Structures are given as structure tokens and as C-alpha cells.
C-alpha atoms as a PDB file:
ATOM      1  CA  MET A   1      -0.612 -26.217  22.278  1.00  0.00           C
ATOM      2  CA  ASP A   2      -3.680 -24.325  23.441  1.00  0.00           C
ATOM      3  CA  GLN A   3      -4.938 -21.347  21.523  1.00  0.00           C
ATOM      4  CA  VAL A   4      -4.275 -17.901  22.979  1.00  0.00           C
ATOM      5  CA  TYR A   5      -6.980 -15.287  22.535  1.00  0.00           C
ATOM      6  CA  ILE A   6      -6.971 -11.535  22.971  1.00  0.00           C
ATOM      7  CA  LYS A   7      -9.999  -9.351  23.512  1.00  0.00           C
ATOM      8  CA  LYS A   8     -10.603  -7.267  20.433  1.00  0.00           C
ATOM      9  CA  ASN A   9     -11.152  -4.188  22.624  1.00  0.00           C
ATOM     10  CA  ASP A  10      -7.616  -4.580  24.020  1.00  0.00           C
ATOM     11  CA  LEU A  11      -6.187  -4.097  20.530  1.00  0.00           C
ATOM     12  CA  SER A  12      -5.506  -0.730  18.939  1.00  0.00           C
ATOM     13  CA  GLU A  13      -8.184   0.801  16.713  1.00  0.00           C
ATOM     14  CA  TRP A  14      -5.958   0.138  13.715  1.00  0.00           C
ATOM     15  CA  THR A  15      -5.848  -3.566  14.545  1.00  0.00           C
ATOM     16  CA  GLN A  16      -9.503  -3.873  15.575  1.00  0.00           C
ATOM     17  CA  LYS A  17     -10.756  -2.977  12.124  1.00  0.00           C
ATOM     18  CA  TYR A  18      -9.447  -6.296  10.753  1.00  0.00           C
ATOM     19  CA  PHE A  19     -11.597  -8.433  13.050  1.00  0.00           C
ATOM     20  CA  LYS A  20     -15.318  -8.945  13.572  1.00  0.00           C
ATOM     21  CA  GLU A  21     -15.076 -11.366  16.498  1.00  0.00           C
ATOM     22  CA  ASP A  22     -14.787 -10.226  20.117  1.00  0.00           C
ATOM     23  CA  LEU A  23     -11.907 -12.629  20.740  1.00  0.00           C
ATOM     24  CA  VAL A  24      -8.958 -12.761  18.389  1.00  0.00           C
ATOM     25  CA  SER A  25      -6.512 -15.640  18.316  1.00  0.00           C
ATOM     26  CA  VAL A  26      -2.785 -15.131  17.956  1.00  0.00           C
ATOM     27  CA  ASP A  27      -2.991 -17.209  14.779  1.00  0.00           C
ATOM     28  CA  ASP A  28      -5.496 -14.715  13.366  1.00  0.00           C
ATOM     29  CA  LEU A  29      -3.209 -11.826  14.264  1.00  0.00           C
ATOM     30  CA  ILE A  30      -0.314 -13.516  12.507  1.00  0.00           C
ATOM     31  CA  ARG A  31      -2.487 -14.154   9.452  1.00  0.00           C
ATOM     32  CA  VAL A  32      -3.410 -10.454   9.261  1.00  0.00           C
ATOM     33  CA  ILE A  33       0.242  -9.442   9.625  1.00  0.00           C
ATOM     34  CA  GLU A  34       1.211 -11.796   6.795  1.00  0.00           C
ATOM     35  CA  ASP A  35      -1.623 -10.494   4.599  1.00  0.00           C
ATOM     36  CA  LEU A  36      -0.570  -6.902   5.218  1.00  0.00           C
ATOM     37  CA  ASP A  37       3.063  -7.723   4.541  1.00  0.00           C
ATOM     38  CA  ASN A  38       2.058  -9.279   1.212  1.00  0.00           C
ATOM     39  CA  GLU A  39      -0.012  -6.183   0.425  1.00  0.00           C
ATOM     40  CA  ILE A  40       2.983  -3.945   1.145  1.00  0.00           C
ATOM     41  CA  ASP A  41       5.145  -6.026  -1.195  1.00  0.00           C
ATOM     42  CA  ARG A  42       2.476  -5.829  -3.916  1.00  0.00           C
ATOM     43  CA  VAL A  43       2.156  -2.047  -3.591  1.00  0.00           C
ATOM     44  CA  LYS A  44       5.943  -1.601  -3.627  1.00  0.00           C
ATOM     45  CA  GLU A  45       6.180  -3.667  -6.798  1.00  0.00           C
ATOM     46  CA  GLU A  46       3.332  -1.723  -8.386  1.00  0.00           C
ATOM     47  CA  PHE A  47       5.003   1.571  -7.457  1.00  0.00           C
ATOM     48  CA  ASN A  48       8.368   0.451  -8.855  1.00  0.00           C
ATOM     49  CA  ASP A  49       6.651  -0.657 -12.081  1.00  0.00           C
ATOM     50  CA  TYR A  50       4.986   2.762 -12.320  1.00  0.00           C
ATOM     51  CA  LYS A  51       8.281   4.591 -11.730  1.00  0.00           C
ATOM     52  CA  GLN A  52       9.909   2.491 -14.453  1.00  0.00           C
ATOM     53  CA  MET A  53       7.035   3.181 -16.849  1.00  0.00           C
ATOM     54  CA  VAL A  54       7.367   6.922 -16.233  1.00  0.00           C
ATOM     55  CA  GLU A  55      11.118   6.752 -16.722  1.00  0.00           C
ATOM     56  CA  ASP A  56      10.710   4.775 -19.958  1.00  0.00           C
ATOM     57  CA  ASN A  57       7.847   6.738 -21.509  1.00  0.00           C
ATOM     58  CA  TYR A  58       7.981  10.352 -20.429  1.00  0.00           C
ATOM     59  CA  LYS A  59      10.444  12.947 -21.516  1.00  0.00           C
ATOM     60  CA  PRO A  60      10.810  16.491 -20.245  1.00  0.00           C
ATOM     61  CA  ILE A  61       9.474  19.116 -22.630  1.00  0.00           C
ATOM     62  CA  SER A  62       9.895  22.856 -22.669  1.00  0.00           C
ATOM     63  CA  ALA A  63       7.078  25.225 -21.755  1.00  0.00           C
ATOM     64  CA  SER A  64       6.927  26.444 -25.362  1.00  0.00           C
ATOM     65  CA  SER A  65       6.362  22.881 -26.591  1.00  0.00           C
ATOM     66  CA  MET A  66       3.835  22.242 -23.849  1.00  0.00           C
ATOM     67  CA  TYR A  67       1.713  25.248 -24.811  1.00  0.00           C
ATOM     68  CA  GLY A  68       2.299  25.044 -28.540  1.00  0.00           C
ATOM     69  CA  VAL A  69       4.044  28.368 -28.939  1.00  0.00           C
ATOM     70  CA  SER A  70       7.490  29.290 -30.109  1.00  0.00           C
ATOM     71  CA  ARG A  71       9.859  31.859 -28.722  1.00  0.00           C
ATOM     72  CA  ASN A  72       9.372  33.931 -31.892  1.00  0.00           C
ATOM     73  CA  ASP A  73       5.621  34.386 -31.300  1.00  0.00           C
END
């Protein structure tokens, strides 16, 4: 099968930033989509890990505890 190319200038600005060449192959576009999909998965996992860490390690505290004063002061 022959390669199909697209002019970089015909792509959106968002897409153009991923390419340096003036002609972009469909294979290159697919590669960028796969890379971005993997990045999304990585960020989602990182975010879920962070949410779990917050849930496991932080507890709500009262304003008096936060500022080191008691209600009697």
C-alpha cells in the first residue's frame, strides 16, 4: 500500500505542533494519537494514585487545631 501524506498546514494548529516536516504521513498521525492516548492513561493513573494518597493520608482537622488555639482561649 502506498503512503498517504497530508500537508502540515492543512492540519489544525493543535496537530501541527507535533510535526516538524511539511508533509505528514497517516502512519505518523496514528503514532502521535497512540502516544497521546498513552500519555492520557499515564496521567489518569497518576491522578488516581494521588487521590488515593490524599484519601489515605489526610484527615480533616478543625480550624482550632489548624491554628493551634482552643475554644477556651
